[in-house]
N, C-alpha and C. Protein backbone atom coordinates (compact mmCIF):
# COMPACT_ATOMS: atom_id res chain seq x y z
N MET A 1 86.75 155.68 206.83
CA MET A 1 87.23 157.31 205.65
C MET A 1 87.47 158.04 205.84
N GLY A 2 88.23 158.56 207.60
CA GLY A 2 88.55 159.60 207.96
C GLY A 2 87.88 160.60 209.07
N SER A 3 88.41 161.71 209.16
CA SER A 3 87.50 162.42 210.44
C SER A 3 86.17 163.68 209.13
N PHE A 4 85.47 163.95 210.35
CA PHE A 4 84.63 164.67 209.45
C PHE A 4 85.39 166.10 209.16
N LEU A 5 84.71 166.36 207.96
CA LEU A 5 85.70 168.02 207.59
C LEU A 5 84.68 168.98 208.89
N HIS A 6 85.53 170.06 208.06
CA HIS A 6 84.80 171.77 209.39
C HIS A 6 84.07 171.67 208.36
N ALA A 7 83.09 170.65 207.98
CA ALA A 7 81.75 171.39 206.73
C ALA A 7 80.52 170.84 207.41
N PRO A 8 79.48 171.71 206.94
CA PRO A 8 78.02 171.13 206.73
C PRO A 8 78.17 169.68 206.44
N VAL A 9 78.71 169.50 205.28
CA VAL A 9 78.99 167.51 205.70
C VAL A 9 79.94 166.90 205.34
N GLY A 10 80.41 166.07 206.19
CA GLY A 10 81.45 165.34 205.93
C GLY A 10 81.38 164.44 205.26
N THR A 11 82.59 164.34 204.34
CA THR A 11 83.18 163.66 203.33
C THR A 11 82.92 162.26 203.21
N GLY A 12 83.38 161.79 204.81
CA GLY A 12 83.53 159.91 204.91
C GLY A 12 81.73 159.83 205.47
N VAL A 13 80.85 160.55 205.97
CA VAL A 13 79.82 160.62 205.39
C VAL A 13 78.91 160.71 204.34
N VAL A 14 79.10 161.53 203.47
CA VAL A 14 78.67 161.56 202.19
C VAL A 14 79.05 160.15 201.29
N LEU A 15 80.43 159.93 201.67
CA LEU A 15 80.77 158.54 200.87
C LEU A 15 79.72 157.51 201.44
N SER A 16 79.76 157.07 202.37
CA SER A 16 78.93 156.02 203.09
C SER A 16 77.59 156.06 202.98
N LEU A 17 76.82 157.38 202.98
CA LEU A 17 75.20 157.26 203.21
C LEU A 17 75.04 157.40 201.60
N LEU A 18 75.67 158.02 200.74
CA LEU A 18 75.74 157.71 198.98
C LEU A 18 75.72 156.32 198.73
N LEU A 19 76.66 155.56 199.29
CA LEU A 19 76.94 154.33 198.42
C LEU A 19 75.94 153.32 199.39
N ILE A 20 75.96 153.24 200.87
CA ILE A 20 74.81 152.24 201.23
C ILE A 20 73.59 152.32 200.90
N ALA A 21 73.11 153.77 200.41
CA ALA A 21 71.86 154.09 199.85
C ALA A 21 71.85 152.85 198.34
N ALA A 22 72.78 153.19 198.01
CA ALA A 22 72.49 152.33 196.35
C ALA A 22 73.48 151.00 196.90
N ALA A 23 73.99 150.52 197.90
CA ALA A 23 73.47 149.13 198.09
C ALA A 23 72.37 148.93 198.29
N GLY A 24 71.13 149.58 199.17
CA GLY A 24 69.96 149.67 199.33
C GLY A 24 69.08 148.96 198.24
N THR A 25 69.64 150.14 197.08
CA THR A 25 68.78 150.28 195.76
C THR A 25 68.95 148.49 194.76
N GLY A 26 70.02 148.24 195.09
CA GLY A 26 70.35 147.45 194.16
C GLY A 26 71.01 147.45 193.04
N CYS A 27 71.63 149.40 193.09
CA CYS A 27 71.84 149.78 191.57
C CYS A 27 73.50 149.41 191.13
N GLN A 28 73.76 148.88 190.53
CA GLN A 28 74.91 148.14 189.79
C GLN A 28 75.80 148.57 189.00
N SER A 29 75.13 149.80 188.35
CA SER A 29 75.96 150.48 187.42
C SER A 29 74.91 151.46 186.83
N GLN A 30 75.48 152.77 186.10
CA GLN A 30 74.74 153.35 185.07
C GLN A 30 75.27 153.63 183.78
N THR A 31 74.42 154.37 183.11
CA THR A 31 75.41 154.52 181.87
C THR A 31 75.15 155.39 181.01
N VAL A 32 74.83 157.17 181.98
CA VAL A 32 74.41 158.07 181.29
C VAL A 32 76.37 158.48 180.59
N THR A 33 75.66 158.80 179.04
CA THR A 33 76.54 159.56 178.30
C THR A 33 77.24 161.26 177.94
N ALA A 34 78.30 161.71 177.48
CA ALA A 34 78.38 162.50 177.58
C ALA A 34 77.44 163.70 177.14
N ALA A 35 76.86 163.56 175.86
CA ALA A 35 75.36 163.91 175.17
C ALA A 35 74.22 163.82 175.54
N GLN A 36 74.42 163.14 176.67
CA GLN A 36 72.82 162.87 177.64
C GLN A 36 73.45 164.38 178.71
N LEU A 37 74.94 164.21 178.57
CA LEU A 37 75.34 165.36 180.23
C LEU A 37 74.94 166.53 179.56
N ALA A 38 75.85 166.80 178.38
CA ALA A 38 75.83 167.92 177.22
C ALA A 38 74.42 168.73 177.59
N HIS A 39 73.27 167.66 176.81
CA HIS A 39 71.92 168.66 177.23
C HIS A 39 71.39 168.65 178.01
N ARG A 40 71.95 168.36 178.87
CA ARG A 40 70.56 168.41 180.18
C ARG A 40 71.82 169.60 180.92
N GLN A 41 72.91 169.64 180.44
CA GLN A 41 73.80 171.33 181.43
C GLN A 41 72.38 172.33 180.25
N ARG A 42 72.25 172.01 179.30
CA ARG A 42 71.99 173.25 178.39
C ARG A 42 70.42 174.04 178.89
N THR A 43 69.98 173.08 180.01
CA THR A 43 68.40 173.04 180.57
C THR A 43 68.55 173.61 182.20
N ILE A 44 69.78 174.16 182.57
CA ILE A 44 70.06 174.16 183.94
C ILE A 44 69.47 175.86 183.94
N ASP A 45 68.65 175.77 185.25
CA ASP A 45 68.50 177.48 185.77
C ASP A 45 70.13 177.80 186.58
N THR A 46 71.20 178.89 186.42
CA THR A 46 72.00 178.95 186.84
C THR A 46 71.78 180.50 188.01
N THR A 47 70.93 180.41 187.77
CA THR A 47 70.25 181.83 189.46
C THR A 47 70.57 181.58 190.44
N GLY A 48 72.00 182.31 191.04
CA GLY A 48 72.43 182.25 192.06
C GLY A 48 74.17 181.59 191.88
N LEU A 49 74.33 181.35 190.51
CA LEU A 49 75.81 180.44 190.34
C LEU A 49 76.56 181.40 189.86
N LYS A 50 78.02 181.03 189.73
CA LYS A 50 78.70 181.58 189.37
C LYS A 50 79.22 180.91 187.91
N ASP A 51 80.27 181.79 187.18
CA ASP A 51 80.24 180.90 185.61
C ASP A 51 80.78 179.75 186.20
N VAL A 52 80.89 178.63 185.12
CA VAL A 52 81.62 177.76 185.02
C VAL A 52 82.87 177.53 185.20
N GLN A 53 83.46 176.46 185.89
CA GLN A 53 84.80 176.44 186.17
C GLN A 53 84.81 175.07 186.46
N THR A 54 86.24 174.55 185.96
CA THR A 54 87.21 173.46 185.63
C THR A 54 88.10 173.40 187.40
N ILE A 55 87.42 173.06 187.88
CA ILE A 55 88.29 171.79 188.98
C ILE A 55 89.47 170.52 188.72
N ASP A 56 90.36 170.95 188.47
CA ASP A 56 91.14 169.99 187.91
C ASP A 56 91.38 168.80 189.36
N VAL A 57 91.73 168.81 190.71
CA VAL A 57 91.59 168.13 190.97
C VAL A 57 90.78 166.84 191.27
N VAL A 58 89.39 167.40 191.28
CA VAL A 58 88.32 165.84 191.45
C VAL A 58 87.72 165.87 189.92
N LYS A 59 88.87 166.69 188.80
CA LYS A 59 88.62 166.58 187.35
C LYS A 59 86.76 166.53 187.49
N ALA A 60 86.53 168.04 187.61
CA ALA A 60 85.04 168.15 187.21
C ALA A 60 84.68 169.41 187.05
N ARG A 61 83.85 169.94 186.38
CA ARG A 61 83.29 171.19 185.74
C ARG A 61 81.96 171.63 186.91
N VAL A 62 81.75 172.83 187.02
CA VAL A 62 80.73 172.84 188.35
C VAL A 62 80.58 174.75 187.98
N SER A 63 79.24 175.21 188.43
CA SER A 63 78.98 176.06 188.67
C SER A 63 78.72 176.75 189.97
N PRO A 64 79.76 177.14 190.81
CA PRO A 64 79.68 177.12 192.38
C PRO A 64 78.79 178.32 192.14
N PRO A 65 78.02 177.88 193.88
CA PRO A 65 77.02 178.82 194.28
C PRO A 65 77.97 180.59 194.77
N ARG A 66 77.77 181.63 194.41
CA ARG A 66 77.93 182.57 194.74
C ARG A 66 77.97 183.06 196.22
N ALA A 67 79.03 183.53 196.48
CA ALA A 67 79.50 183.80 198.33
C ALA A 67 79.14 182.55 198.74
N TRP A 68 79.21 181.42 198.25
CA TRP A 68 79.64 180.24 198.99
C TRP A 68 81.58 180.02 199.41
N VAL A 69 81.51 179.67 200.55
CA VAL A 69 83.14 179.58 200.32
C VAL A 69 83.79 178.05 199.81
N PRO A 70 85.41 178.31 199.27
CA PRO A 70 85.13 176.62 198.94
C PRO A 70 86.33 176.44 199.94
N LEU A 71 86.01 175.12 200.21
CA LEU A 71 87.02 174.87 201.77
C LEU A 71 88.13 173.98 201.11
N ASN A 72 89.16 174.26 202.21
CA ASN A 72 89.91 173.32 201.40
C ASN A 72 90.02 171.77 201.65
N VAL A 73 90.70 171.23 199.90
CA VAL A 73 90.36 170.01 199.66
C VAL A 73 90.61 169.02 200.67
N LYS A 74 90.20 167.77 200.37
CA LYS A 74 90.33 167.17 201.23
C LYS A 74 90.50 165.47 200.66
N LYS A 75 91.85 164.82 200.67
CA LYS A 75 92.48 164.23 200.04
C LYS A 75 92.69 162.75 201.15
N THR A 76 92.74 161.83 200.85
CA THR A 76 93.07 160.46 201.33
C THR A 76 93.69 159.82 200.68
N HIS A 77 94.19 158.57 201.06
CA HIS A 77 94.22 157.47 199.99
C HIS A 77 92.97 157.01 199.30
N LEU A 78 91.87 156.85 199.48
CA LEU A 78 90.91 156.76 199.12
C LEU A 78 90.14 157.72 198.16
N PHE A 79 90.03 159.00 197.92
CA PHE A 79 88.89 159.73 197.16
C PHE A 79 89.70 161.45 198.02
N THR A 80 89.33 162.39 196.99
CA THR A 80 89.34 163.69 197.16
C THR A 80 88.75 164.13 197.09
N ASP A 81 88.29 165.39 197.61
CA ASP A 81 86.53 165.98 197.62
C ASP A 81 87.27 166.99 198.03
N MET A 82 86.15 168.04 196.89
CA MET A 82 86.49 169.07 197.07
C MET A 82 84.74 170.09 197.29
N GLN A 83 84.25 170.52 198.64
CA GLN A 83 83.17 171.20 198.81
C GLN A 83 82.78 172.18 199.07
N TRP A 84 82.01 173.05 198.24
CA TRP A 84 81.66 174.76 198.73
C TRP A 84 80.33 175.00 200.17
N ARG A 85 81.12 175.67 201.13
CA ARG A 85 79.98 175.82 202.05
C ARG A 85 79.35 177.08 201.97
N SER A 86 77.74 176.86 202.66
CA SER A 86 76.95 178.16 202.21
C SER A 86 76.87 179.23 203.33
N PRO A 87 76.74 180.68 203.43
CA PRO A 87 77.23 181.66 204.27
C PRO A 87 76.73 181.06 205.60
N SER A 88 75.65 180.24 205.21
CA SER A 88 75.09 179.97 207.57
C SER A 88 75.73 178.90 207.44
N ARG A 89 76.57 178.15 206.87
CA ARG A 89 77.36 177.17 207.30
C ARG A 89 76.78 175.58 207.53
N ASN A 90 75.41 175.73 207.37
CA ASN A 90 74.48 174.75 207.71
C ASN A 90 74.25 173.76 206.11
N THR A 91 74.70 174.36 205.19
CA THR A 91 74.56 173.41 203.76
C THR A 91 75.77 173.59 202.63
N GLY A 92 76.21 172.20 202.48
CA GLY A 92 76.98 172.61 201.56
C GLY A 92 76.34 171.81 200.36
N VAL A 93 77.79 171.87 198.99
CA VAL A 93 78.17 171.01 198.06
C VAL A 93 79.23 170.72 197.83
N GLY A 94 79.00 169.68 196.85
CA GLY A 94 80.49 168.69 196.74
C GLY A 94 80.56 167.85 195.85
N ILE A 95 81.96 167.65 195.38
CA ILE A 95 82.23 166.25 194.27
C ILE A 95 83.32 165.64 195.15
N ALA A 96 83.40 164.42 195.02
CA ALA A 96 84.48 163.34 195.52
C ALA A 96 84.38 162.44 194.62
N TYR A 97 85.95 162.70 194.04
CA TYR A 97 85.96 161.98 193.00
C TYR A 97 87.33 160.51 193.46
N VAL A 98 87.10 159.81 192.82
CA VAL A 98 87.72 158.18 194.02
C VAL A 98 88.02 158.00 192.26
N ARG A 99 89.38 157.36 192.53
CA ARG A 99 90.33 157.59 191.88
C ARG A 99 90.28 155.20 191.79
N LEU A 100 89.86 154.29 191.17
CA LEU A 100 89.65 152.96 191.13
C LEU A 100 90.91 152.16 190.93
N PRO A 101 91.59 150.94 191.57
CA PRO A 101 92.00 150.05 191.50
C PRO A 101 92.17 149.19 190.07
N LEU A 102 91.02 149.58 190.16
CA LEU A 102 90.35 148.34 188.72
C LEU A 102 89.27 149.05 188.58
N PRO A 103 88.95 148.78 187.22
CA PRO A 103 87.16 149.22 186.90
C PRO A 103 86.45 148.29 187.03
N LEU A 104 86.19 148.91 188.66
CA LEU A 104 85.08 148.28 189.55
C LEU A 104 83.56 148.07 188.46
N PRO A 105 82.63 147.26 189.35
CA PRO A 105 81.39 147.60 188.52
C PRO A 105 80.97 148.18 190.20
N ALA A 106 79.93 149.45 190.19
CA ALA A 106 79.32 150.50 191.07
C ALA A 106 79.00 149.57 192.41
N GLY A 107 78.81 148.32 192.17
CA GLY A 107 78.21 147.32 193.58
C GLY A 107 79.99 147.37 194.02
N ALA A 108 80.79 146.69 193.56
CA ALA A 108 81.81 146.33 194.42
C ALA A 108 82.56 147.92 195.39
N LEU A 109 82.13 148.88 194.80
CA LEU A 109 82.75 150.39 195.18
C LEU A 109 81.79 150.41 196.67
N ILE A 110 80.19 150.23 196.06
CA ILE A 110 79.67 150.45 197.28
C ILE A 110 79.67 149.44 198.23
N TRP A 111 79.70 148.36 197.92
CA TRP A 111 80.05 147.00 199.16
C TRP A 111 81.92 147.55 199.96
N PHE A 112 82.64 148.38 199.34
CA PHE A 112 83.55 149.18 200.25
C PHE A 112 83.43 150.09 201.13
N ALA A 113 82.26 150.90 200.77
CA ALA A 113 81.99 152.02 201.15
C ALA A 113 81.36 151.89 202.29
N LYS A 114 81.03 150.79 202.24
CA LYS A 114 79.61 150.63 203.37
C LYS A 114 80.21 150.28 204.36
N GLN A 115 81.14 148.67 204.62
CA GLN A 115 82.65 148.17 205.28
C GLN A 115 83.24 149.50 205.59
N GLU A 116 83.53 150.50 204.99
CA GLU A 116 84.20 151.56 205.81
C GLU A 116 83.47 152.45 206.92
N TYR A 117 81.94 152.48 206.73
CA TYR A 117 81.46 153.26 207.76
C TYR A 117 80.66 152.54 208.19
N THR A 118 80.60 151.61 208.53
CA THR A 118 80.10 150.97 210.03
C THR A 118 80.85 150.08 210.66
N LYS A 119 82.12 150.73 210.44
CA LYS A 119 82.89 150.68 211.13
C LYS A 119 82.85 151.95 212.46
N LYS A 120 82.44 152.77 212.26
CA LYS A 120 82.12 154.30 212.60
C LYS A 120 80.31 154.45 212.98
N ALA A 121 79.31 154.12 212.40
CA ALA A 121 78.66 154.62 213.07
C ALA A 121 77.39 153.37 212.57
N ASN A 122 76.11 153.28 212.68
CA ASN A 122 75.46 152.79 212.16
C ASN A 122 74.07 153.06 212.22
N ASP A 123 73.64 153.76 211.87
CA ASP A 123 72.47 154.94 211.85
C ASP A 123 72.16 155.20 210.53
N GLY A 124 73.25 155.05 209.49
CA GLY A 124 73.15 155.38 207.88
C GLY A 124 71.50 154.74 207.97
N LYS A 125 70.74 155.13 206.83
CA LYS A 125 69.52 155.18 206.44
C LYS A 125 68.90 155.34 205.56
N LEU A 126 68.41 154.71 204.34
CA LEU A 126 68.30 154.98 203.01
C LEU A 126 66.82 155.87 203.12
N LEU A 127 66.46 156.57 202.29
CA LEU A 127 64.87 157.36 202.53
C LEU A 127 64.21 157.92 200.78
N ALA A 128 65.30 157.15 200.40
CA ALA A 128 65.03 157.79 199.07
C ALA A 128 65.71 157.08 197.83
N GLU A 129 65.54 157.24 196.56
CA GLU A 129 66.05 156.29 195.30
C GLU A 129 65.14 156.50 194.12
N TRP A 130 66.04 156.83 192.93
CA TRP A 130 65.09 157.54 191.94
C TRP A 130 66.02 156.97 190.71
N THR A 131 65.65 157.16 189.58
CA THR A 131 66.65 157.65 188.62
C THR A 131 66.13 158.46 187.68
N ASP A 132 67.35 159.19 186.82
CA ASP A 132 66.72 160.78 186.44
C ASP A 132 66.44 159.83 184.77
N SER A 133 65.83 161.14 183.94
CA SER A 133 66.18 161.24 182.45
C SER A 133 66.71 160.84 182.30
N ILE A 134 68.19 161.46 182.38
CA ILE A 134 69.31 160.37 181.62
C ILE A 134 70.48 159.63 181.94
N GLY A 135 68.95 158.49 183.00
CA GLY A 135 70.23 157.59 183.53
C GLY A 135 71.22 158.01 184.35
N ARG A 136 70.94 159.10 185.74
CA ARG A 136 71.66 159.03 186.79
C ARG A 136 71.03 158.36 188.10
N PRO A 137 71.87 157.68 188.69
CA PRO A 137 71.19 157.06 189.82
C PRO A 137 71.35 158.17 191.11
N TRP A 138 70.23 158.32 191.35
CA TRP A 138 70.14 159.06 192.75
C TRP A 138 69.71 158.61 194.32
N PHE A 139 70.25 159.22 195.24
CA PHE A 139 69.82 159.02 196.22
C PHE A 139 69.80 159.33 197.23
N GLU A 140 68.69 159.57 198.39
CA GLU A 140 68.42 160.50 199.55
C GLU A 140 68.57 159.82 200.78
N ALA A 141 70.00 159.62 201.39
CA ALA A 141 70.20 159.06 203.06
C ALA A 141 70.83 160.30 203.46
N GLU A 142 70.30 159.44 204.74
CA GLU A 142 71.08 160.48 206.11
C GLU A 142 71.01 159.78 207.30
N ASN A 143 71.75 160.09 208.47
CA ASN A 143 71.86 159.63 209.77
C ASN A 143 71.59 160.55 210.72
N ASN A 144 71.89 160.45 211.97
CA ASN A 144 71.53 161.36 212.87
C ASN A 144 72.19 162.97 212.97
N LYS A 145 73.30 162.83 211.87
CA LYS A 145 73.95 164.22 212.09
C LYS A 145 73.37 165.27 210.50
N TYR A 146 73.65 163.91 210.07
CA TYR A 146 73.50 164.76 208.52
C TYR A 146 72.55 164.11 207.10
N HIS A 147 71.90 164.86 206.63
CA HIS A 147 70.87 164.56 205.34
C HIS A 147 71.91 165.09 204.25
N VAL A 148 71.98 163.83 203.15
CA VAL A 148 72.45 163.99 201.92
C VAL A 148 71.69 163.60 201.08
N THR A 149 71.88 164.25 199.61
CA THR A 149 71.48 163.81 198.39
C THR A 149 72.47 163.95 197.44
N GLY A 150 72.27 163.00 196.05
CA GLY A 150 73.42 162.52 195.45
C GLY A 150 73.19 161.25 194.67
N TYR A 151 74.58 161.60 193.62
CA TYR A 151 74.41 160.30 192.74
C TYR A 151 75.63 159.83 192.22
N VAL A 152 75.99 158.69 191.67
CA VAL A 152 77.22 158.22 191.35
C VAL A 152 77.50 158.07 190.17
N VAL A 153 78.65 158.65 189.05
CA VAL A 153 78.72 158.45 187.82
C VAL A 153 80.57 157.96 188.20
N THR A 154 80.34 156.61 186.84
CA THR A 154 81.40 155.79 186.90
C THR A 154 82.09 155.68 185.33
N ARG A 155 83.40 155.77 185.17
CA ARG A 155 83.83 155.49 183.91
C ARG A 155 85.17 154.69 184.08
N GLY A 156 84.79 153.86 183.63
CA GLY A 156 86.95 153.16 184.29
C GLY A 156 86.75 153.10 184.97
N PHE A 157 88.44 153.52 185.75
CA PHE A 157 89.43 153.13 187.04
C PHE A 157 88.77 154.83 187.41
N GLU A 158 87.43 155.13 187.06
CA GLU A 158 87.15 156.32 188.32
C GLU A 158 86.01 156.71 188.21
N ALA A 159 85.44 157.43 189.33
CA ALA A 159 84.42 157.60 189.56
C ALA A 159 83.95 158.78 190.84
N TRP A 160 82.59 159.31 190.43
CA TRP A 160 82.57 160.84 190.72
C TRP A 160 81.19 160.35 191.90
N ILE A 161 81.33 161.45 193.05
CA ILE A 161 79.79 160.98 193.84
C ILE A 161 79.33 162.63 193.96
N VAL A 162 78.60 163.31 193.47
CA VAL A 162 77.93 164.19 193.32
C VAL A 162 77.12 164.41 194.19
N TYR A 163 77.60 165.26 195.48
CA TYR A 163 76.23 165.62 196.28
C TYR A 163 76.07 166.98 196.95
N SER A 164 74.57 167.28 197.79
CA SER A 164 74.75 168.09 198.44
C SER A 164 73.57 167.91 200.07
N GLY A 165 74.02 168.60 201.02
CA GLY A 165 73.87 167.79 202.01
C GLY A 165 73.84 169.02 203.01
N TYR A 166 72.99 168.79 203.97
CA TYR A 166 72.86 169.72 205.48
C TYR A 166 72.45 169.28 206.39
N LYS A 167 72.98 169.94 207.92
CA LYS A 167 72.91 169.24 208.71
C LYS A 167 71.59 169.43 209.66
N ILE A 168 70.99 168.05 209.96
CA ILE A 168 69.92 167.85 210.63
C ILE A 168 69.71 168.96 211.67
N ALA A 169 70.54 169.04 212.48
CA ALA A 169 70.02 169.89 213.86
C ALA A 169 69.59 171.38 213.22
N THR A 170 70.46 171.72 212.34
CA THR A 170 70.05 173.10 211.77
C THR A 170 69.35 173.36 210.26
N PRO A 171 68.48 173.40 209.55
CA PRO A 171 68.19 172.83 208.82
C PRO A 171 68.40 174.35 207.98
N PRO A 172 69.20 174.10 206.58
CA PRO A 172 68.79 175.79 206.19
C PRO A 172 67.64 176.01 205.58
N SER A 173 67.31 177.32 204.73
CA SER A 173 66.40 178.09 204.50
C SER A 173 65.83 176.98 203.33
N ASP A 174 64.54 177.07 202.36
CA ASP A 174 64.50 176.55 201.05
C ASP A 174 65.45 177.16 200.32
N GLU A 175 65.46 178.61 199.93
CA GLU A 175 66.53 179.22 199.20
C GLU A 175 67.45 178.67 198.93
N GLU A 176 68.55 178.73 200.23
CA GLU A 176 69.54 177.68 200.81
C GLU A 176 69.92 176.20 199.72
N LEU A 177 68.77 175.98 200.03
CA LEU A 177 68.82 174.16 199.57
C LEU A 177 68.64 174.43 198.15
N LYS A 178 67.52 175.36 197.60
CA LYS A 178 67.83 175.39 196.21
C LYS A 178 68.10 175.61 195.52
N VAL A 179 69.43 177.05 195.81
CA VAL A 179 70.74 176.93 195.33
C VAL A 179 72.43 175.77 195.32
N ALA A 180 71.75 174.72 196.32
CA ALA A 180 72.83 174.18 195.91
C ALA A 180 72.31 173.19 195.37
N ARG A 181 71.17 172.93 195.21
CA ARG A 181 70.92 171.95 194.36
C ARG A 181 70.86 172.32 192.62
N ARG A 182 70.91 173.90 192.48
CA ARG A 182 71.10 173.76 191.00
C ARG A 182 72.61 173.81 190.87
N ALA A 183 73.42 174.22 191.98
CA ALA A 183 74.94 173.70 192.13
C ALA A 183 74.95 172.45 191.45
N GLN A 184 74.67 171.70 192.23
CA GLN A 184 74.71 170.21 191.83
C GLN A 184 74.66 169.67 190.69
N GLU A 185 73.75 170.19 189.88
CA GLU A 185 73.07 169.93 188.78
C GLU A 185 73.87 170.42 187.66
N THR A 186 74.92 170.90 187.84
CA THR A 186 75.59 171.78 187.24
C THR A 186 77.54 171.35 187.00
N ILE A 187 77.58 170.21 187.92
CA ILE A 187 79.01 169.38 188.07
C ILE A 187 78.66 168.06 187.16
N VAL A 188 79.65 168.36 185.64
CA VAL A 188 79.99 167.17 184.90
C VAL A 188 81.55 166.88 185.15
N PRO A 189 82.14 165.43 185.09
CA PRO A 189 82.94 164.98 185.27
C PRO A 189 83.73 165.24 183.83
N THR A 190 84.85 166.00 183.61
CA THR A 190 85.76 166.53 182.50
C THR A 190 85.71 165.33 181.66
N PRO A 191 86.38 164.14 181.98
CA PRO A 191 85.97 163.18 181.05
C PRO A 191 84.54 162.92 180.06
N LEU A 192 83.77 163.51 180.94
CA LEU A 192 82.57 163.78 179.90
C LEU A 192 82.21 164.47 179.56
N ALA A 193 83.07 166.03 179.62
CA ALA A 193 82.39 167.24 179.77
C ALA A 193 82.96 167.83 178.00
N PRO A 194 81.69 168.17 177.18
CA PRO A 194 82.85 168.44 175.99
C PRO A 194 83.26 169.64 175.58
N ASN A 195 84.34 170.44 175.15
CA ASN A 195 84.63 171.34 174.77
C ASN A 195 85.49 172.06 176.21
N GLN A 196 86.22 170.78 176.79
CA GLN A 196 86.71 171.51 177.98
C GLN A 196 87.93 172.20 177.79
N ALA A 197 88.75 172.38 176.31
CA ALA A 197 89.54 173.31 175.90
C ALA A 197 89.03 175.06 176.30
N GLN A 198 88.14 174.86 175.83
CA GLN A 198 87.59 176.09 176.02
C GLN A 198 86.67 176.88 177.45
N MET A 199 86.85 176.09 178.65
CA MET A 199 86.28 176.39 179.84
C MET A 199 87.53 177.13 180.38
N PRO A 200 87.26 177.66 181.56
CA PRO A 200 88.36 178.90 182.97
C PRO A 200 88.77 177.34 183.64
N THR A 201 89.55 177.02 184.08
CA THR A 201 90.16 176.53 184.58
C THR A 201 90.14 177.16 186.42
N ALA A 202 89.92 176.24 187.21
CA ALA A 202 89.80 177.07 188.67
C ALA A 202 90.86 175.96 189.74
N THR A 203 91.57 176.76 190.45
CA THR A 203 92.21 176.18 191.40
C THR A 203 92.09 176.00 192.51
N ALA A 204 92.44 175.00 193.15
CA ALA A 204 91.38 174.53 194.67
C ALA A 204 92.69 173.76 195.36
N ASP A 205 93.75 174.50 195.80
CA ASP A 205 94.72 174.67 197.15
C ASP A 205 94.33 174.61 198.28
């Protein structure tokens, strides 16, 4: 899935760890709706975050952490990834947008990502899995370099992997992790976001 980003969490690692975790849980689909996401957004603590932005390149809306650096967009024939890096350079939060050739079930996407990842590493492992109150399947996984927490949202020919993570060798502060998780919770795919036209648009060139 390509080389690791010059970032705290490599994009290939994010895709593979989260989807390997999903494979371990047997998760096949999710049923989160736009209404559920809209309700969830109204309850989020936005302390330490910027105003909501629309990032067209990954078709998502997000409130990025203040003072965190937006990294160059990573594009491959499989996915487009946008990530923000903390000032310590140890923590990241991001969105991987996947355009599917067919409206595949989550299981098929999981299988493909796992096959790609195991060509390069075999130390990925699932630590935990759960489903939140609006039906999003969450996963916690790591390998010998990175620890990642995230979830997958699918809609027809599209999928989004929303994640945060850090380098295992240099774990970040609790406050940095909290900011990452708060930003992660603000991320909503634009096809599932209400009132899109009313939101500011940010470029990510």
